[in-house]
Amino acid sequence: MYRYYKKDEFDVMEYDFDSIMEFIDYLDNTPTNVDIWDLKELGSSDDDYEFFKTHSLQEAEALCKYGYHEDFDKLIKLKVNLEKYIKKTYKRSKQYNYYVGYAPDVKAYLEGNPLSMFNRENHKRKHIDIYYNLAVSCRTTTNQIFNRGVMTLCLTEMLENMGFSVGLYIFSMLKRDGQIHFAKFNLKKSGERMNVQKLFFPLCHPSFLRRLVVRLMEETPDIKCGWTHDYGFPCDDYTIRQIMDLKENNIVICKPEEMGVRGYNIVDDANAMVDYINKFTSEDIKLEHLKRERKL
């Protein structure tokens, strides 16, 4: 679950969780690293509601386990509207007549045509991996987090509906003082149908990072004292690819500022992400800009 190793110029503190319940159980049963943190000044227990959008660590854990519903209708409305304007450019299976097939062509049979069965040319299901970094700056707004999460959920579901096998890998990667704090969460396996309700809180709510992942940092054994000042900085696209050994065509959803997500308008943010993502996608799938006159 936890390992500490050297990767290029960084010392990496890596966690790997198979489920949300495993993550929460680890948080609840692992002591604070008191050599580094003062128990009276833990960031995960701060009472700044505007920053966290929760009142306590316990509330954040409950939302994570049982679901966050307050803005879910807003998510669905935005996602439905966004999906209308994502261009689908995939090849459909081509039907043709042959000696064998999945269904008879009655007309061809009555005419005595030996090619009296419908067959279909099936295209191999292609695979796309999306890597979503939960980490954001302390200056990142709630709207930036929400808009980036909505667009990621929309993109993942649309690619699946278009016939692609999509792996959505959710993680937090922050760096400070030559160290990287890297936590991975297995919330959607490749080929598994997406559960939007399950992914909503981790991707779209600030408390998953700012309370739960921060709490994980406070329990990390090899972390240096410098992390107590600001809990690190979100890694950029290049560093993420370097640490995770990603291929060039993998899609990385990195910090909102790097992708041009400003949090003022969902259409503008979606278009900024489209421009960023299109740098790494193949010709099999290209995304169009949304029409700016739409009120989302």
C-alpha atoms as a PDB file:
ATOM      1  CA  MET A   1       0.000   0.000   0.000  1.00  0.00           C
ATOM      2  CA  TYR A   2       2.836   2.450   0.855  1.00  0.00           C
ATOM      3  CA  ARG A   3       6.357   2.585  -0.518  1.00  0.00           C
ATOM      4  CA  TYR A   4       9.176   5.113  -0.529  1.00  0.00           C
ATOM      5  CA  TYR A   5      11.577   5.154  -3.454  1.00  0.00           C
ATOM      6  CA  LYS A   6      13.803   7.294  -5.664  1.00  0.00           C
ATOM      7  CA  LYS A   7      12.580   8.263  -9.152  1.00  0.00           C
ATOM      8  CA  ASP A   8      14.830  10.522 -11.210  1.00  0.00           C
ATOM      9  CA  GLU A   9      15.451  13.623  -9.085  1.00  0.00           C
ATOM     10  CA  PHE A  10      12.586  12.975  -6.666  1.00  0.00           C
ATOM     11  CA  ASP A  11      12.038  10.917  -3.527  1.00  0.00           C
ATOM     12  CA  VAL A  12       8.539   9.495  -3.988  1.00  0.00           C
ATOM     13  CA  MET A  13       6.092   8.649  -1.189  1.00  0.00           C
ATOM     14  CA  GLU A  14       3.520   6.473  -2.947  1.00  0.00           C
ATOM     15  CA  TYR A  15       0.206   5.084  -1.713  1.00  0.00           C
ATOM     16  CA  ASP A  16      -2.059   2.738  -3.653  1.00  0.00           C
ATOM     17  CA  PHE A  17      -5.665   2.193  -2.500  1.00  0.00           C
ATOM     18  CA  ASP A  18      -7.973  -0.412  -4.041  1.00  0.00           C
ATOM     19  CA  SER A  19     -11.163   1.262  -2.828  1.00  0.00           C
ATOM     20  CA  ILE A  20     -12.613   4.254  -1.005  1.00  0.00           C
ATOM     21  CA  MET A  21     -13.338   2.116   2.047  1.00  0.00           C
ATOM     22  CA  GLU A  22      -9.719   0.974   2.206  1.00  0.00           C
ATOM     23  CA  PHE A  23      -8.605   4.611   2.013  1.00  0.00           C
ATOM     24  CA  ILE A  24     -10.933   5.802   4.781  1.00  0.00           C
ATOM     25  CA  ASP A  25     -10.053   2.809   6.968  1.00  0.00           C
ATOM     26  CA  TYR A  26      -6.363   3.643   6.586  1.00  0.00           C
ATOM     27  CA  LEU A  27      -6.955   7.279   7.549  1.00  0.00           C
ATOM     28  CA  ASP A  28      -8.925   6.281  10.647  1.00  0.00           C
ATOM     29  CA  ASN A  29      -6.418   3.717  11.885  1.00  0.00           C
ATOM     30  CA  THR A  30      -3.057   5.350  11.192  1.00  0.00           C
ATOM     31  CA  PRO A  31      -1.547   7.792  13.702  1.00  0.00           C
ATOM     32  CA  THR A  32      -0.403  11.325  12.903  1.00  0.00           C
ATOM     33  CA  ASN A  33       3.313  11.728  12.228  1.00  0.00           C
ATOM     34  CA  VAL A  34       3.876  13.802  15.386  1.00  0.00           C
ATOM     35  CA  ASP A  35       7.573  14.213  14.553  1.00  0.00           C
ATOM     36  CA  ILE A  36       6.445  16.585  11.802  1.00  0.00           C
ATOM     37  CA  TRP A  37       2.962  17.880  12.663  1.00  0.00           C
ATOM     38  CA  ASP A  38       1.543  19.578  15.725  1.00  0.00           C
ATOM     39  CA  LEU A  39      -1.702  17.845  16.725  1.00  0.00           C
ATOM     40  CA  LYS A  40      -3.235  21.242  17.549  1.00  0.00           C
ATOM     41  CA  GLU A  41      -2.567  22.676  14.081  1.00  0.00           C
ATOM     42  CA  LEU A  42      -3.567  20.005  11.589  1.00  0.00           C
ATOM     43  CA  GLY A  43      -4.664  21.345   8.211  1.00  0.00           C
ATOM     44  CA  SER A  44      -7.156  18.525   7.741  1.00  0.00           C
ATOM     45  CA  SER A  45      -9.066  19.713  10.828  1.00  0.00           C
ATOM     46  CA  ASP A  46      -9.239  23.413   9.972  1.00  0.00           C
ATOM     47  CA  ASP A  47     -12.708  24.989  10.229  1.00  0.00           C
ATOM     48  CA  ASP A  48     -12.553  27.212   7.101  1.00  0.00           C
ATOM     49  CA  TYR A  49     -15.799  26.159   5.389  1.00  0.00           C
ATOM     50  CA  GLU A  50     -15.319  28.427   2.346  1.00  0.00           C
ATOM     51  CA  PHE A  51     -12.055  26.655   1.562  1.00  0.00           C
ATOM     52  CA  PHE A  52     -13.114  23.067   2.317  1.00  0.00           C
ATOM     53  CA  LYS A  53     -16.906  23.168   1.736  1.00  0.00           C
ATOM     54  CA  THR A  54     -17.186  20.822   4.732  1.00  0.00           C
ATOM     55  CA  HIS A  55     -17.155  21.579   8.452  1.00  0.00           C
ATOM     56  CA  SER A  56     -14.879  18.743   9.563  1.00  0.00           C
ATOM     57  CA  LEU A  57     -12.746  15.770   8.557  1.00  0.00           C
ATOM     58  CA  GLN A  58     -15.529  13.467   9.737  1.00  0.00           C
ATOM     59  CA  GLU A  59     -18.052  15.152   7.440  1.00  0.00           C
ATOM     60  CA  ALA A  60     -15.681  14.777   4.492  1.00  0.00           C
ATOM     61  CA  GLU A  61     -15.218  11.075   5.268  1.00  0.00           C
ATOM     62  CA  ALA A  62     -18.998  10.557   5.431  1.00  0.00           C
ATOM     63  CA  LEU A  63     -19.535  12.261   2.059  1.00  0.00           C
ATOM     64  CA  CYS A  64     -16.779  10.143   0.581  1.00  0.00           C
ATOM     65  CA  LYS A  65     -18.273   6.872   1.881  1.00  0.00           C
ATOM     66  CA  TYR A  66     -21.984   7.534   1.403  1.00  0.00           C
ATOM     67  CA  GLY A  67     -22.049  10.007  -1.481  1.00  0.00           C
ATOM     68  CA  TYR A  68     -22.323  13.746  -2.033  1.00  0.00           C
ATOM     69  CA  HIS A  69     -25.743  14.741  -3.385  1.00  0.00           C
ATOM     70  CA  GLU A  70     -26.060  18.512  -2.928  1.00  0.00           C
ATOM     71  CA  ASP A  71     -24.875  19.573  -6.398  1.00  0.00           C
ATOM     72  CA  PHE A  72     -25.425  16.277  -8.206  1.00  0.00           C
ATOM     73  CA  ASP A  73     -28.394  17.605 -10.212  1.00  0.00           C
ATOM     74  CA  LYS A  74     -26.203  20.494 -11.367  1.00  0.00           C
ATOM     75  CA  LEU A  75     -23.560  17.997 -12.469  1.00  0.00           C
ATOM     76  CA  ILE A  76     -26.054  15.943 -14.478  1.00  0.00           C
ATOM     77  CA  LYS A  77     -27.514  19.035 -16.169  1.00  0.00           C
ATOM     78  CA  LEU A  78     -24.096  20.328 -17.170  1.00  0.00           C
ATOM     79  CA  LYS A  79     -22.920  16.914 -18.317  1.00  0.00           C
ATOM     80  CA  VAL A  80     -25.984  16.352 -20.511  1.00  0.00           C
ATOM     81  CA  ASN A  81     -25.473  19.743 -22.178  1.00  0.00           C
ATOM     82  CA  LEU A  82     -21.749  19.204 -22.650  1.00  0.00           C
ATOM     83  CA  GLU A  83     -22.272  15.808 -24.255  1.00  0.00           C
ATOM     84  CA  LYS A  84     -24.358  17.328 -27.053  1.00  0.00           C
ATOM     85  CA  TYR A  85     -21.344  19.164 -28.417  1.00  0.00           C
ATOM     86  CA  ILE A  86     -18.594  16.551 -28.249  1.00  0.00           C
ATOM     87  CA  LYS A  87     -17.836  15.374 -31.761  1.00  0.00           C
ATOM     88  CA  LYS A  88     -17.970  11.615 -32.298  1.00  0.00           C
ATOM     89  CA  THR A  89     -15.687  10.498 -35.144  1.00  0.00           C
ATOM     90  CA  TYR A  90     -15.472   6.740 -34.713  1.00  0.00           C
ATOM     91  CA  LYS A  91     -16.069   4.000 -37.240  1.00  0.00           C
ATOM     92  CA  ARG A  92     -19.294   2.069 -36.900  1.00  0.00           C
ATOM     93  CA  SER A  93     -19.418  -1.647 -37.692  1.00  0.00           C
ATOM     94  CA  LYS A  94     -20.083  -2.132 -41.387  1.00  0.00           C
ATOM     95  CA  GLN A  95     -22.798  -4.632 -42.374  1.00  0.00           C
ATOM     96  CA  TYR A  96     -22.377  -6.797 -45.491  1.00  0.00           C
ATOM     97  CA  ASN A  97     -23.737 -10.010 -47.066  1.00  0.00           C
ATOM     98  CA  TYR A  98     -21.806 -13.282 -46.708  1.00  0.00           C
ATOM     99  CA  TYR A  99     -22.247 -17.078 -46.627  1.00  0.00           C
ATOM    100  CA  VAL A 100     -22.468 -17.055 -42.803  1.00  0.00           C
ATOM    101  CA  GLY A 101     -23.534 -14.346 -40.396  1.00  0.00           C
ATOM    102  CA  TYR A 102     -25.670 -13.254 -37.481  1.00  0.00           C
ATOM    103  CA  ALA A 103     -29.038 -12.934 -39.302  1.00  0.00           C
ATOM    104  CA  PRO A 104     -30.590 -14.069 -42.638  1.00  0.00           C
ATOM    105  CA  ASP A 105     -31.152 -11.702 -45.557  1.00  0.00           C
ATOM    106  CA  VAL A 106     -34.560 -13.017 -46.651  1.00  0.00           C
ATOM    107  CA  LYS A 107     -34.623 -11.065 -49.906  1.00  0.00           C
ATOM    108  CA  ALA A 108     -31.222 -12.417 -50.965  1.00  0.00           C
ATOM    109  CA  TYR A 109     -32.263 -15.958 -50.011  1.00  0.00           C
ATOM    110  CA  LEU A 110     -35.482 -15.793 -52.077  1.00  0.00           C
ATOM    111  CA  GLU A 111     -33.497 -14.484 -55.028  1.00  0.00           C
ATOM    112  CA  GLY A 112     -31.148 -17.474 -54.771  1.00  0.00           C
ATOM    113  CA  ASN A 113     -28.155 -15.381 -53.795  1.00  0.00           C
ATOM    114  CA  PRO A 114     -25.602 -17.623 -51.956  1.00  0.00           C
ATOM    115  CA  LEU A 115     -24.550 -14.572 -49.895  1.00  0.00           C
ATOM    116  CA  SER A 116     -27.812 -14.692 -47.959  1.00  0.00           C
ATOM    117  CA  MET A 117     -26.596 -13.924 -44.447  1.00  0.00           C
ATOM    118  CA  PHE A 118     -25.930 -10.543 -42.860  1.00  0.00           C
ATOM    119  CA  ASN A 119     -22.473 -10.254 -41.368  1.00  0.00           C
ATOM    120  CA  ARG A 120     -20.692  -7.375 -39.686  1.00  0.00           C
ATOM    121  CA  GLU A 121     -17.138  -6.087 -39.798  1.00  0.00           C
ATOM    122  CA  ASN A 122     -16.215  -5.551 -36.188  1.00  0.00           C
ATOM    123  CA  HIS A 123     -13.564  -3.028 -35.294  1.00  0.00           C
ATOM    124  CA  LYS A 124     -11.215  -3.788 -32.452  1.00  0.00           C
ATOM    125  CA  ARG A 125     -12.214  -1.908 -29.298  1.00  0.00           C
ATOM    126  CA  LYS A 126      -9.469   0.642 -28.807  1.00  0.00           C
ATOM    127  CA  HIS A 127      -8.188   1.661 -25.401  1.00  0.00           C
ATOM    128  CA  ILE A 128      -7.718   5.168 -24.000  1.00  0.00           C
ATOM    129  CA  ASP A 129      -6.300   6.016 -20.573  1.00  0.00           C
ATOM    130  CA  ILE A 130      -7.183   9.203 -18.692  1.00  0.00           C
ATOM    131  CA  TYR A 131      -5.108  10.229 -15.680  1.00  0.00           C
ATOM    132  CA  TYR A 132      -6.800  12.732 -13.378  1.00  0.00           C
ATOM    133  CA  ASN A 133      -4.655  14.586 -10.844  1.00  0.00           C
ATOM    134  CA  LEU A 134      -6.839  15.613  -7.904  1.00  0.00           C
ATOM    135  CA  ALA A 135      -4.169  17.991  -6.634  1.00  0.00           C
ATOM    136  CA  VAL A 136      -4.834  21.714  -6.995  1.00  0.00           C
ATOM    137  CA  SER A 137      -3.345  24.913  -5.616  1.00  0.00           C
ATOM    138  CA  CYS A 138      -4.693  26.480  -2.428  1.00  0.00           C
ATOM    139  CA  ARG A 139      -5.719  29.416  -4.654  1.00  0.00           C
ATOM    140  CA  THR A 140      -7.823  27.207  -6.943  1.00  0.00           C
ATOM    141  CA  THR A 141     -11.530  27.984  -6.556  1.00  0.00           C
ATOM    142  CA  THR A 142     -14.374  25.571  -5.897  1.00  0.00           C
ATOM    143  CA  ASN A 143     -15.788  26.377  -9.354  1.00  0.00           C
ATOM    144  CA  GLN A 144     -12.506  25.490 -11.047  1.00  0.00           C
ATOM    145  CA  ILE A 145     -12.478  22.124  -9.275  1.00  0.00           C
ATOM    146  CA  PHE A 146     -16.128  21.474 -10.135  1.00  0.00           C
ATOM    147  CA  ASN A 147     -15.869  22.441 -13.808  1.00  0.00           C
ATOM    148  CA  ARG A 148     -12.724  20.374 -14.371  1.00  0.00           C
ATOM    149  CA  GLY A 149     -14.368  17.348 -12.724  1.00  0.00           C
ATOM    150  CA  VAL A 150     -17.581  17.686 -14.743  1.00  0.00           C
ATOM    151  CA  MET A 151     -15.687  17.856 -18.013  1.00  0.00           C
ATOM    152  CA  THR A 152     -13.592  14.808 -17.082  1.00  0.00           C
ATOM    153  CA  LEU A 153     -16.677  12.737 -16.223  1.00  0.00           C
ATOM    154  CA  CYS A 154     -18.337  13.862 -19.441  1.00  0.00           C
ATOM    155  CA  LEU A 155     -15.286  13.006 -21.537  1.00  0.00           C
ATOM    156  CA  THR A 156     -14.900   9.554 -19.959  1.00  0.00           C
ATOM    157  CA  GLU A 157     -18.534   8.572 -20.436  1.00  0.00           C
ATOM    158  CA  MET A 158     -18.666   9.874 -23.992  1.00  0.00           C
ATOM    159  CA  LEU A 159     -15.570   7.901 -25.003  1.00  0.00           C
ATOM    160  CA  GLU A 160     -17.120   4.767 -23.525  1.00  0.00           C
ATOM    161  CA  ASN A 161     -20.391   5.376 -25.380  1.00  0.00           C
ATOM    162  CA  MET A 162     -18.392   5.769 -28.563  1.00  0.00           C
ATOM    163  CA  GLY A 163     -17.016   2.248 -28.178  1.00  0.00           C
ATOM    164  CA  PHE A 164     -13.644   2.905 -26.574  1.00  0.00           C
ATOM    165  CA  SER A 165     -12.366   1.012 -23.553  1.00  0.00           C
ATOM    166  CA  VAL A 166     -11.502   3.803 -21.101  1.00  0.00           C
ATOM    167  CA  GLY A 167      -9.313   3.584 -18.048  1.00  0.00           C
ATOM    168  CA  LEU A 168      -9.816   6.493 -15.629  1.00  0.00           C
ATOM    169  CA  TYR A 169      -6.972   6.669 -13.123  1.00  0.00           C
ATOM    170  CA  ILE A 170      -7.491   9.040 -10.206  1.00  0.00           C
ATOM    171  CA  PHE A 171      -4.553  10.185  -8.126  1.00  0.00           C
ATOM    172  CA  SER A 172      -3.057  13.066  -6.182  1.00  0.00           C
ATOM    173  CA  MET A 173       0.502  14.139  -6.932  1.00  0.00           C
ATOM    174  CA  LEU A 174       2.122  17.047  -5.082  1.00  0.00           C
ATOM    175  CA  LYS A 175       5.771  18.015  -4.744  1.00  0.00           C
ATOM    176  CA  ARG A 176       7.967  19.887  -2.269  1.00  0.00           C
ATOM    177  CA  ASP A 177      11.638  19.951  -1.263  1.00  0.00           C
ATOM    178  CA  GLY A 178      12.646  17.202  -3.695  1.00  0.00           C
ATOM    179  CA  GLN A 179       9.843  14.906  -2.514  1.00  0.00           C
ATOM    180  CA  ILE A 180       6.621  13.832  -4.232  1.00  0.00           C
ATOM    181  CA  HIS A 181       3.519  12.755  -2.325  1.00  0.00           C
ATOM    182  CA  PHE A 182       1.672  10.401  -4.690  1.00  0.00           C
ATOM    183  CA  ALA A 183      -1.620   8.663  -3.814  1.00  0.00           C
ATOM    184  CA  LYS A 184      -3.570   6.480  -6.278  1.00  0.00           C
ATOM    185  CA  PHE A 185      -7.241   5.503  -5.922  1.00  0.00           C
ATOM    186  CA  ASN A 186      -8.784   2.591  -7.814  1.00  0.00           C
ATOM    187  CA  LEU A 187     -12.274   4.009  -8.415  1.00  0.00           C
ATOM    188  CA  LYS A 188     -12.811   2.867 -12.009  1.00  0.00           C
ATOM    189  CA  LYS A 189     -11.074  -0.054 -13.655  1.00  0.00           C
ATOM    190  CA  SER A 190     -10.439  -0.156 -17.384  1.00  0.00           C
ATOM    191  CA  GLY A 191     -13.509  -1.548 -19.121  1.00  0.00           C
ATOM    192  CA  GLU A 192     -15.723  -1.029 -16.071  1.00  0.00           C
ATOM    193  CA  ARG A 193     -18.839   1.085 -16.603  1.00  0.00           C
ATOM    194  CA  MET A 194     -18.559   4.485 -15.005  1.00  0.00           C
ATOM    195  CA  ASN A 195     -20.479   5.161 -11.789  1.00  0.00           C
ATOM    196  CA  VAL A 196     -20.903   8.959 -11.841  1.00  0.00           C
ATOM    197  CA  GLN A 197     -22.274   9.100  -8.300  1.00  0.00           C
ATOM    198  CA  LYS A 198     -19.227   7.223  -6.980  1.00  0.00           C
ATOM    199  CA  LEU A 199     -16.789   9.542  -8.760  1.00  0.00           C
ATOM    200  CA  PHE A 200     -18.620  12.802  -8.058  1.00  0.00           C
ATOM    201  CA  PHE A 201     -17.155  13.599  -4.644  1.00  0.00           C
ATOM    202  CA  PRO A 202     -13.483  12.770  -5.413  1.00  0.00           C
ATOM    203  CA  LEU A 203     -13.439  14.647  -8.731  1.00  0.00           C
ATOM    204  CA  CYS A 204     -15.696  17.612  -8.018  1.00  0.00           C
ATOM    205  CA  HIS A 205     -15.492  18.432  -4.284  1.00  0.00           C
ATOM    206  CA  PRO A 206     -12.504  20.255  -2.714  1.00  0.00           C
ATOM    207  CA  SER A 207     -12.593  18.258   0.537  1.00  0.00           C
ATOM    208  CA  PHE A 208     -11.346  15.032  -1.011  1.00  0.00           C
ATOM    209  CA  LEU A 209      -7.961  16.669  -1.520  1.00  0.00           C
ATOM    210  CA  ARG A 210      -7.990  19.388   1.120  1.00  0.00           C
ATOM    211  CA  ARG A 211      -9.169  17.236   4.006  1.00  0.00           C
ATOM    212  CA  LEU A 212      -8.699  13.552   3.141  1.00  0.00           C
ATOM    213  CA  VAL A 213      -5.479  13.599   1.095  1.00  0.00           C
ATOM    214  CA  VAL A 214      -4.033  16.222   3.454  1.00  0.00           C
ATOM    215  CA  ARG A 215      -4.889  13.894   6.349  1.00  0.00           C
ATOM    216  CA  LEU A 216      -2.961  11.157   4.523  1.00  0.00           C
ATOM    217  CA  MET A 217       0.055  13.480   4.349  1.00  0.00           C
ATOM    218  CA  GLU A 218      -0.168  14.080   8.090  1.00  0.00           C
ATOM    219  CA  GLU A 219       0.191  10.321   8.579  1.00  0.00           C
ATOM    220  CA  THR A 220       3.016   9.765   6.059  1.00  0.00           C
ATOM    221  CA  PRO A 221       6.187   8.501   7.762  1.00  0.00           C
ATOM    222  CA  ASP A 222       8.950   9.772   5.427  1.00  0.00           C
ATOM    223  CA  ILE A 223       7.622  13.272   4.798  1.00  0.00           C
ATOM    224  CA  LYS A 224       9.900  16.259   5.509  1.00  0.00           C
ATOM    225  CA  CYS A 225       9.010  19.127   7.825  1.00  0.00           C
ATOM    226  CA  GLY A 226       8.768  21.609   4.934  1.00  0.00           C
ATOM    227  CA  TRP A 227       5.370  20.147   4.019  1.00  0.00           C
ATOM    228  CA  THR A 228       3.852  21.621   7.191  1.00  0.00           C
ATOM    229  CA  HIS A 229       4.102  25.112   5.673  1.00  0.00           C
ATOM    230  CA  ASP A 230       1.941  24.618   2.577  1.00  0.00           C
ATOM    231  CA  TYR A 231       1.257  20.890   1.957  1.00  0.00           C
ATOM    232  CA  GLY A 232       3.115  20.994  -1.352  1.00  0.00           C
ATOM    233  CA  PHE A 233       2.374  22.105  -4.909  1.00  0.00           C
ATOM    234  CA  PRO A 234       0.437  20.229  -7.629  1.00  0.00           C
ATOM    235  CA  CYS A 235       2.680  18.562 -10.208  1.00  0.00           C
ATOM    236  CA  ASP A 236       2.537  19.676 -13.816  1.00  0.00           C
ATOM    237  CA  ASP A 237       1.874  17.504 -16.848  1.00  0.00           C
ATOM    238  CA  TYR A 238       5.573  16.840 -17.501  1.00  0.00           C
ATOM    239  CA  THR A 239       6.317  15.670 -13.956  1.00  0.00           C
ATOM    240  CA  ILE A 240       3.229  13.434 -13.873  1.00  0.00           C
ATOM    241  CA  ARG A 241       4.288  11.715 -17.099  1.00  0.00           C
ATOM    242  CA  GLN A 242       7.840  11.408 -15.792  1.00  0.00           C
ATOM    243  CA  ILE A 243       6.870   9.772 -12.488  1.00  0.00           C
ATOM    244  CA  MET A 244       4.161   7.489 -13.927  1.00  0.00           C
ATOM    245  CA  ASP A 245       6.010   6.600 -17.168  1.00  0.00           C
ATOM    246  CA  LEU A 246       3.004   7.540 -19.290  1.00  0.00           C
ATOM    247  CA  LYS A 247       2.842   7.247 -23.045  1.00  0.00           C
ATOM    248  CA  GLU A 248       2.584  10.392 -25.144  1.00  0.00           C
ATOM    249  CA  ASN A 249      -1.005   9.696 -26.223  1.00  0.00           C
ATOM    250  CA  ASN A 250      -2.304   9.199 -22.660  1.00  0.00           C
ATOM    251  CA  ILE A 251      -4.602  12.015 -21.537  1.00  0.00           C
ATOM    252  CA  VAL A 252      -3.495  13.838 -18.382  1.00  0.00           C
ATOM    253  CA  ILE A 253      -5.987  16.032 -16.533  1.00  0.00           C
ATOM    254  CA  CYS A 254      -3.614  18.228 -14.579  1.00  0.00           C
ATOM    255  CA  LYS A 255      -4.058  21.368 -12.476  1.00  0.00           C
ATOM    256  CA  PRO A 256      -6.854  23.670 -13.720  1.00  0.00           C
ATOM    257  CA  GLU A 257      -4.546  26.634 -14.335  1.00  0.00           C
ATOM    258  CA  GLU A 258      -2.329  24.583 -16.656  1.00  0.00           C
ATOM    259  CA  MET A 259      -5.378  23.491 -18.666  1.00  0.00           C
ATOM    260  CA  GLY A 260      -6.902  26.989 -18.807  1.00  0.00           C
ATOM    261  CA  VAL A 261      -9.827  26.194 -16.487  1.00  0.00           C
ATOM    262  CA  ARG A 262     -10.784  29.459 -14.754  1.00  0.00           C
ATOM    263  CA  GLY A 263     -14.081  28.529 -13.115  1.00  0.00           C
ATOM    264  CA  TYR A 264     -16.170  31.426 -14.449  1.00  0.00           C
ATOM    265  CA  ASN A 265     -17.964  29.725 -17.332  1.00  0.00           C
ATOM    266  CA  ILE A 266     -18.341  25.989 -17.964  1.00  0.00           C
ATOM    267  CA  VAL A 267     -18.318  26.473 -21.752  1.00  0.00           C
ATOM    268  CA  ASP A 268     -15.066  28.440 -21.724  1.00  0.00           C
ATOM    269  CA  ASP A 269     -13.502  25.909 -19.352  1.00  0.00           C
ATOM    270  CA  ALA A 270     -14.632  22.983 -21.511  1.00  0.00           C
ATOM    271  CA  ASN A 271     -13.167  24.618 -24.618  1.00  0.00           C
ATOM    272  CA  ALA A 272      -9.867  25.245 -22.846  1.00  0.00           C
ATOM    273  CA  MET A 273      -9.716  21.576 -21.819  1.00  0.00           C
ATOM    274  CA  VAL A 274     -10.616  20.501 -25.369  1.00  0.00           C
ATOM    275  CA  ASP A 275      -7.661  22.482 -26.739  1.00  0.00           C
ATOM    276  CA  TYR A 276      -5.363  20.912 -24.157  1.00  0.00           C
ATOM    277  CA  ILE A 277      -6.621  17.330 -24.588  1.00  0.00           C
ATOM    278  CA  ASN A 278      -6.532  17.450 -28.400  1.00  0.00           C
ATOM    279  CA  LYS A 279      -2.741  17.766 -28.207  1.00  0.00           C
ATOM    280  CA  PHE A 280      -2.558  14.137 -27.080  1.00  0.00           C
ATOM    281  CA  THR A 281      -5.484  12.379 -28.797  1.00  0.00           C
ATOM    282  CA  SER A 282      -5.181  10.406 -32.005  1.00  0.00           C
ATOM    283  CA  GLU A 283      -7.243  10.916 -35.139  1.00  0.00           C
ATOM    284  CA  ASP A 284      -9.741   8.294 -33.907  1.00  0.00           C
ATOM    285  CA  ILE A 285     -11.265  10.830 -31.529  1.00  0.00           C
ATOM    286  CA  LYS A 286     -11.226  14.601 -31.765  1.00  0.00           C
ATOM    287  CA  LEU A 287     -13.195  17.001 -29.636  1.00  0.00           C
ATOM    288  CA  GLU A 288     -14.977  20.079 -30.925  1.00  0.00           C
ATOM    289  CA  HIS A 289     -15.403  23.415 -29.196  1.00  0.00           C
ATOM    290  CA  LEU A 290     -18.738  23.958 -27.515  1.00  0.00           C
ATOM    291  CA  LYS A 291     -20.945  26.750 -28.856  1.00  0.00           C
ATOM    292  CA  ARG A 292     -20.423  29.727 -26.613  1.00  0.00           C
ATOM    293  CA  GLU A 293     -23.976  30.960 -26.849  1.00  0.00           C
ATOM    294  CA  ARG A 294     -25.176  27.969 -24.836  1.00  0.00           C
ATOM    295  CA  LYS A 295     -25.961  28.925 -21.240  1.00  0.00           C
ATOM    296  CA  LEU A 296     -24.471  26.175 -19.106  1.00  0.00           C
END
